[in-house]
Amino acid sequence: MTRSAVFSPFEIVDGDRARGMVVLGDHARNALPDEYGDLGLPAAEFERHIAYDIGVETVVRRLAGKLRAPAVLAGFSRLLIDPNRGEDDPTLIRQLYDGTVITGNYPMSRKERERRLERFYRPYHDAVGAMIASVAAASKRAPFIVSVHSFTPAMQGRARPWHVGILWDSDDRAVRPMLEAFADEPDLVIGDNEPYDGALRGDTMFRHAIVNGYAHILIELRQDLIASEVDAASWADRLAPVLDAINARDDIHEVKKFGSRTGPI
């Protein structure tokens, strides 16, 4: 875990905004500002998936470089507050996560909840929104938004066979080409809305892509495949040409509102 008295809720990795792409890493880091200590947890808990998406920071940085596209990374652990949840989501600030009690999050006063929203969650989303707007302005077209996450090889005693999961709600403009690109690779098991369903009201893709009609894709990579720097870089290299080809499609840069399976927008 990284701790710092001078703490930024996000980091910008700059790139060519005229390319019309943005790469996001909601759960890229396990960092906490000094004032929150360790939230009452032993250091080992911050090396687990409950604190961050293992391998994602390397993948995002490498993808941004290969695609020459800007990226935004959240600077804080999701144990502090989860940027990939709506503000009214009950899992926004977890008190129990995969068997671990986060004592520093209990009890959670309304004042402290609002403080974390104001200091960490909202500045990150403001930065994401500003980056998307700047990419739209520079490219003079609707931007393509790529979000990268990672998932555990097993959950609650069940193995997860997928190497990659492609999550989505109703807009499949980027999803179908991605699934087709990997369909002929016999060594890959691809999850279509596995191991999670991509329809999550209020999450990052809902907030910044779905409501705006922007093409988007959320890529989940299995953590044991990207845990090392070398493997994470290799997966970024594998994904980059596919995403580059998707970005070249005309329909990717049109505003189209498909709605959401979670209900009216």
Protein backbone atom coordinates (compact mmCIF):
# COMPACT_ATOMS: atom_id res chain seq x y z
CA MET A 1 0.00 0.00 0.00
CA THR A 2 1.14 3.53 -0.81
CA ARG A 3 0.47 6.30 1.70
CA SER A 4 1.13 9.99 1.26
CA ALA A 5 0.46 13.23 3.12
CA VAL A 6 0.20 14.96 -0.28
CA PHE A 7 -2.46 12.95 -2.00
CA SER A 8 -4.14 13.32 -5.39
CA PRO A 9 -7.43 11.54 -6.09
CA PHE A 10 -6.44 10.97 -9.71
CA GLU A 11 -3.56 10.91 -12.17
CA ILE A 12 -3.66 11.98 -15.78
CA VAL A 13 -1.54 10.10 -18.31
CA ASP A 14 -1.52 12.41 -21.29
CA GLY A 15 -1.79 11.35 -24.89
CA ASP A 16 -3.04 12.52 -28.26
CA ARG A 17 -6.59 13.62 -27.51
CA ALA A 18 -7.33 14.00 -31.20
CA ARG A 19 -7.31 10.19 -31.46
CA GLY A 20 -10.76 10.15 -29.89
CA MET A 21 -10.04 7.62 -27.12
CA VAL A 22 -9.87 7.66 -23.32
CA VAL A 23 -8.55 4.80 -21.14
CA LEU A 24 -9.70 4.56 -17.51
CA GLY A 25 -8.44 2.71 -14.44
CA ASP A 26 -11.03 3.03 -11.67
CA HIS A 27 -9.35 0.54 -9.33
CA ALA A 28 -5.73 0.92 -10.40
CA ARG A 29 -4.25 1.67 -6.97
CA ASN A 30 -4.34 0.54 -3.35
CA ALA A 31 -3.19 3.90 -1.95
CA LEU A 32 -4.52 5.79 1.07
CA PRO A 33 -3.76 9.30 2.33
CA ASP A 34 -1.83 9.38 5.62
CA GLU A 35 -4.78 10.63 7.63
CA TYR A 36 -6.65 7.36 7.08
CA GLY A 37 -3.78 5.18 8.25
CA ASP A 38 -4.52 1.60 7.25
CA LEU A 39 -8.29 1.66 7.91
CA GLY A 40 -7.61 -0.81 10.72
CA LEU A 41 -6.32 -3.49 8.36
CA PRO A 42 -3.02 -5.41 8.20
CA ALA A 43 -0.77 -4.56 5.26
CA ALA A 44 -1.46 -7.90 3.58
CA GLU A 45 -5.08 -6.91 2.95
CA PHE A 46 -3.91 -4.12 0.66
CA GLU A 47 -2.25 -6.67 -1.61
CA ARG A 48 -5.58 -8.41 -2.17
CA HIS A 49 -8.27 -7.70 -4.75
CA ILE A 50 -10.41 -6.03 -2.09
CA ALA A 51 -8.07 -3.03 -2.13
CA TYR A 52 -7.47 -2.65 -5.89
CA ASP A 53 -7.52 -4.38 -9.25
CA ILE A 54 -4.21 -6.22 -9.39
CA GLY A 55 -2.23 -5.56 -12.57
CA VAL A 56 -4.51 -2.86 -13.94
CA GLU A 57 -2.25 0.15 -13.51
CA THR A 58 0.44 -1.43 -15.68
CA VAL A 59 -2.11 -2.46 -18.31
CA VAL A 60 -3.63 1.02 -18.45
CA ARG A 61 -0.28 2.79 -18.71
CA ARG A 62 0.94 0.41 -21.40
CA LEU A 63 -2.34 0.63 -23.34
CA ALA A 64 -2.27 4.42 -23.21
CA GLY A 65 1.26 4.37 -24.60
CA LYS A 66 0.54 1.85 -27.34
CA LEU A 67 -2.69 3.62 -28.38
CA ARG A 68 -1.19 7.12 -27.93
CA ALA A 69 -4.35 7.92 -25.97
CA PRO A 70 -4.81 9.76 -22.67
CA ALA A 71 -5.74 7.89 -19.52
CA VAL A 72 -7.16 8.71 -16.10
CA LEU A 73 -6.35 6.58 -13.05
CA ALA A 74 -8.02 6.83 -9.66
CA GLY A 75 -5.38 7.54 -7.02
CA PHE A 76 -7.04 5.83 -4.05
CA SER A 77 -7.97 2.36 -2.88
CA ARG A 78 -11.57 1.30 -3.33
CA LEU A 79 -11.54 0.44 0.37
CA LEU A 80 -11.63 4.20 0.97
CA ILE A 81 -14.49 4.75 -1.47
CA ASP A 82 -15.30 2.91 -4.70
CA PRO A 83 -15.25 5.18 -7.77
CA ASN A 84 -16.99 2.51 -9.85
CA ARG A 85 -20.24 2.77 -7.90
CA GLY A 86 -23.07 5.26 -7.90
CA GLU A 87 -23.22 7.67 -5.00
CA ASP A 88 -26.30 5.90 -3.66
CA ASP A 89 -24.88 2.37 -4.06
CA PRO A 90 -24.75 0.48 -0.71
CA THR A 91 -21.28 -0.87 -1.64
CA LEU A 92 -19.83 2.61 -2.23
CA ILE A 93 -17.93 2.41 1.08
CA ARG A 94 -17.64 -1.18 2.20
CA GLN A 95 -17.57 -2.26 5.81
CA LEU A 96 -17.26 -5.95 4.92
CA TYR A 97 -15.55 -7.20 1.76
CA ASP A 98 -14.88 -10.83 0.85
CA GLY A 99 -14.62 -11.89 4.49
CA THR A 100 -12.62 -8.88 5.69
CA VAL A 101 -14.14 -6.37 8.13
CA ILE A 102 -12.91 -2.85 7.36
CA THR A 103 -12.98 -1.39 10.85
CA GLY A 104 -11.91 2.05 9.61
CA ASN A 105 -15.19 2.26 7.70
CA TYR A 106 -17.42 1.42 10.66
CA PRO A 107 -19.33 3.26 11.87
CA MET A 108 -19.63 5.57 8.85
CA SER A 109 -21.17 8.93 9.67
CA ARG A 110 -22.97 10.98 7.03
CA LYS A 111 -20.35 13.69 7.50
CA GLU A 112 -17.45 11.30 6.80
CA ARG A 113 -19.26 9.75 3.84
CA GLU A 114 -19.76 13.19 2.31
CA ARG A 115 -16.16 14.09 3.07
CA ARG A 116 -14.88 11.12 1.07
CA LEU A 117 -17.23 11.91 -1.78
CA GLU A 118 -16.02 15.50 -1.92
CA ARG A 119 -12.29 14.83 -1.50
CA PHE A 120 -11.80 11.67 -3.56
CA TYR A 121 -14.78 10.32 -5.49
CA ARG A 122 -16.08 13.51 -7.10
CA PRO A 123 -12.66 14.93 -8.04
CA TYR A 124 -11.86 11.68 -9.83
CA HIS A 125 -15.12 11.74 -11.77
CA ASP A 126 -14.68 15.43 -12.51
CA ALA A 127 -11.27 14.59 -13.99
CA VAL A 128 -12.76 11.76 -16.06
CA GLY A 129 -15.54 14.02 -17.32
CA ALA A 130 -13.10 16.81 -18.16
CA MET A 131 -10.81 14.40 -20.03
CA ILE A 132 -13.69 12.98 -22.05
CA ALA A 133 -14.86 16.50 -22.91
CA SER A 134 -11.36 17.53 -23.98
CA VAL A 135 -10.99 14.43 -26.17
CA ALA A 136 -14.36 15.18 -27.80
CA ALA A 137 -13.24 18.75 -28.46
CA ALA A 138 -9.82 17.80 -29.82
CA SER A 139 -11.10 14.98 -32.04
CA LYS A 140 -14.31 16.79 -33.04
CA ARG A 141 -16.29 13.59 -32.58
CA ALA A 142 -17.80 11.43 -29.88
CA PRO A 143 -15.04 9.73 -27.85
CA PHE A 144 -14.52 5.99 -27.39
CA ILE A 145 -14.16 5.10 -23.70
CA VAL A 146 -12.17 2.04 -22.58
CA SER A 147 -12.23 0.95 -18.93
CA VAL A 148 -9.87 -1.73 -17.57
CA HIS A 149 -10.50 -3.89 -14.50
CA SER A 150 -9.31 -7.25 -13.20
CA PHE A 151 -10.99 -10.16 -11.42
CA THR A 152 -9.89 -13.00 -9.14
CA PRO A 153 -9.23 -16.50 -10.55
CA ALA A 154 -11.75 -17.90 -8.03
CA MET A 155 -14.57 -16.47 -5.93
CA GLN A 156 -16.40 -18.17 -3.07
CA GLY A 157 -14.74 -21.47 -3.90
CA ARG A 158 -15.64 -21.43 -7.60
CA ALA A 159 -13.02 -21.24 -10.32
CA ARG A 160 -13.46 -18.59 -12.97
CA PRO A 161 -12.38 -20.08 -16.30
CA TRP A 162 -12.45 -16.86 -18.31
CA HIS A 163 -9.20 -15.19 -19.27
CA VAL A 164 -10.99 -11.99 -20.26
CA GLY A 165 -14.45 -10.69 -19.52
CA ILE A 166 -16.17 -8.11 -21.72
CA LEU A 167 -18.81 -6.23 -19.74
CA TRP A 168 -21.56 -4.12 -21.25
CA ASP A 169 -25.10 -2.92 -20.77
CA SER A 170 -26.99 -2.20 -24.02
CA ASP A 171 -24.50 -0.54 -26.39
CA ASP A 172 -22.60 -3.32 -28.20
CA ARG A 173 -20.77 -1.21 -30.79
CA ALA A 174 -17.35 -1.93 -29.28
CA VAL A 175 -18.29 -5.25 -27.66
CA ARG A 176 -19.12 -7.23 -30.80
CA PRO A 177 -15.89 -6.38 -32.65
CA MET A 178 -13.88 -7.27 -29.54
CA LEU A 179 -15.62 -10.64 -29.15
CA GLU A 180 -15.18 -11.35 -32.87
CA ALA A 181 -11.49 -10.45 -32.75
CA PHE A 182 -10.80 -13.06 -30.09
CA ALA A 183 -13.26 -15.71 -31.31
CA ASP A 184 -10.63 -17.52 -33.40
CA GLU A 185 -8.05 -17.73 -30.61
CA PRO A 186 -8.47 -21.23 -29.15
CA ASP A 187 -6.26 -20.48 -26.16
CA LEU A 188 -8.67 -17.83 -24.85
CA VAL A 189 -11.86 -18.22 -22.86
CA ILE A 190 -13.80 -14.98 -23.27
CA GLY A 191 -16.69 -14.04 -21.01
CA ASP A 192 -19.58 -12.10 -22.50
CA ASN A 193 -20.80 -10.27 -19.40
CA GLU A 194 -18.80 -12.70 -17.26
CA PRO A 195 -17.80 -12.90 -14.46
CA TYR A 196 -20.05 -9.87 -13.84
CA ASP A 197 -22.98 -8.24 -15.57
CA GLY A 198 -22.03 -4.91 -17.10
CA ALA A 199 -25.36 -3.26 -16.32
CA LEU A 200 -24.58 -1.39 -13.11
CA ARG A 201 -26.52 1.79 -12.62
CA GLY A 202 -24.39 4.74 -11.57
CA ASP A 203 -21.03 3.12 -12.29
CA THR A 204 -18.31 4.85 -14.32
CA MET A 205 -19.51 3.59 -17.70
CA PHE A 206 -23.12 4.50 -16.91
CA ARG A 207 -22.18 7.96 -15.70
CA HIS A 208 -19.75 8.96 -18.44
CA ALA A 209 -20.64 6.83 -21.47
CA ILE A 210 -24.17 5.45 -21.42
CA VAL A 211 -25.97 8.66 -20.47
CA ASN A 212 -23.99 10.55 -23.13
CA GLY A 213 -24.43 7.98 -25.90
CA TYR A 214 -20.67 7.35 -26.19
CA ALA A 215 -19.35 3.98 -27.38
CA HIS A 216 -17.51 2.18 -24.62
CA ILE A 217 -16.17 -1.14 -23.38
CA LEU A 218 -15.21 -2.49 -19.97
CA ILE A 219 -12.46 -5.13 -20.11
CA GLU A 220 -11.95 -7.47 -17.15
CA LEU A 221 -8.65 -9.39 -17.12
CA ARG A 222 -8.05 -12.32 -14.78
CA GLN A 223 -5.58 -11.24 -12.14
CA ASP A 224 -3.24 -14.22 -12.29
CA LEU A 225 -2.65 -13.40 -15.97
CA ILE A 226 -1.53 -9.81 -15.32
CA ALA A 227 -0.04 -9.93 -11.81
CA SER A 228 3.52 -9.44 -13.06
CA GLU A 229 4.70 -6.37 -14.93
CA VAL A 230 5.77 -8.49 -17.87
CA ASP A 231 2.44 -10.31 -18.17
CA ALA A 232 0.43 -7.11 -17.74
CA ALA A 233 2.44 -5.42 -20.49
CA SER A 234 1.97 -8.46 -22.73
CA TRP A 235 -1.81 -8.32 -22.32
CA ALA A 236 -1.84 -4.61 -23.07
CA ASP A 237 0.12 -5.33 -26.24
CA ARG A 238 -2.44 -7.98 -27.15
CA LEU A 239 -5.41 -5.71 -26.59
CA ALA A 240 -4.00 -2.56 -28.19
CA PRO A 241 -4.36 -3.48 -31.90
CA VAL A 242 -7.91 -4.71 -31.36
CA LEU A 243 -8.90 -1.50 -29.59
CA ASP A 244 -7.10 0.54 -32.24
CA ALA A 245 -9.13 -1.18 -34.97
CA ILE A 246 -12.37 -0.60 -33.06
CA ASN A 247 -11.47 3.07 -32.66
CA ALA A 248 -11.12 3.32 -36.45
CA ARG A 249 -14.77 2.35 -36.99
CA ASP A 250 -17.05 5.26 -37.93
CA ASP A 251 -19.97 4.08 -35.78
CA ILE A 252 -17.77 4.18 -32.67
CA HIS A 253 -17.61 7.95 -32.89
CA GLU A 254 -21.32 8.64 -33.24
CA VAL A 255 -23.57 9.64 -30.37
CA LYS A 256 -26.13 6.86 -29.99
CA LYS A 257 -28.25 6.36 -26.92
CA PHE A 258 -29.15 2.71 -26.38
CA GLY A 259 -30.61 3.14 -22.92
CA SER A 260 -29.82 0.84 -20.01
CA ARG A 261 -31.09 -2.49 -18.79
CA THR A 262 -31.15 -0.99 -15.31
CA GLY A 263 -34.08 1.27 -16.19
CA PRO A 264 -34.77 4.69 -17.72
CA ILE A 265 -31.84 7.08 -17.92
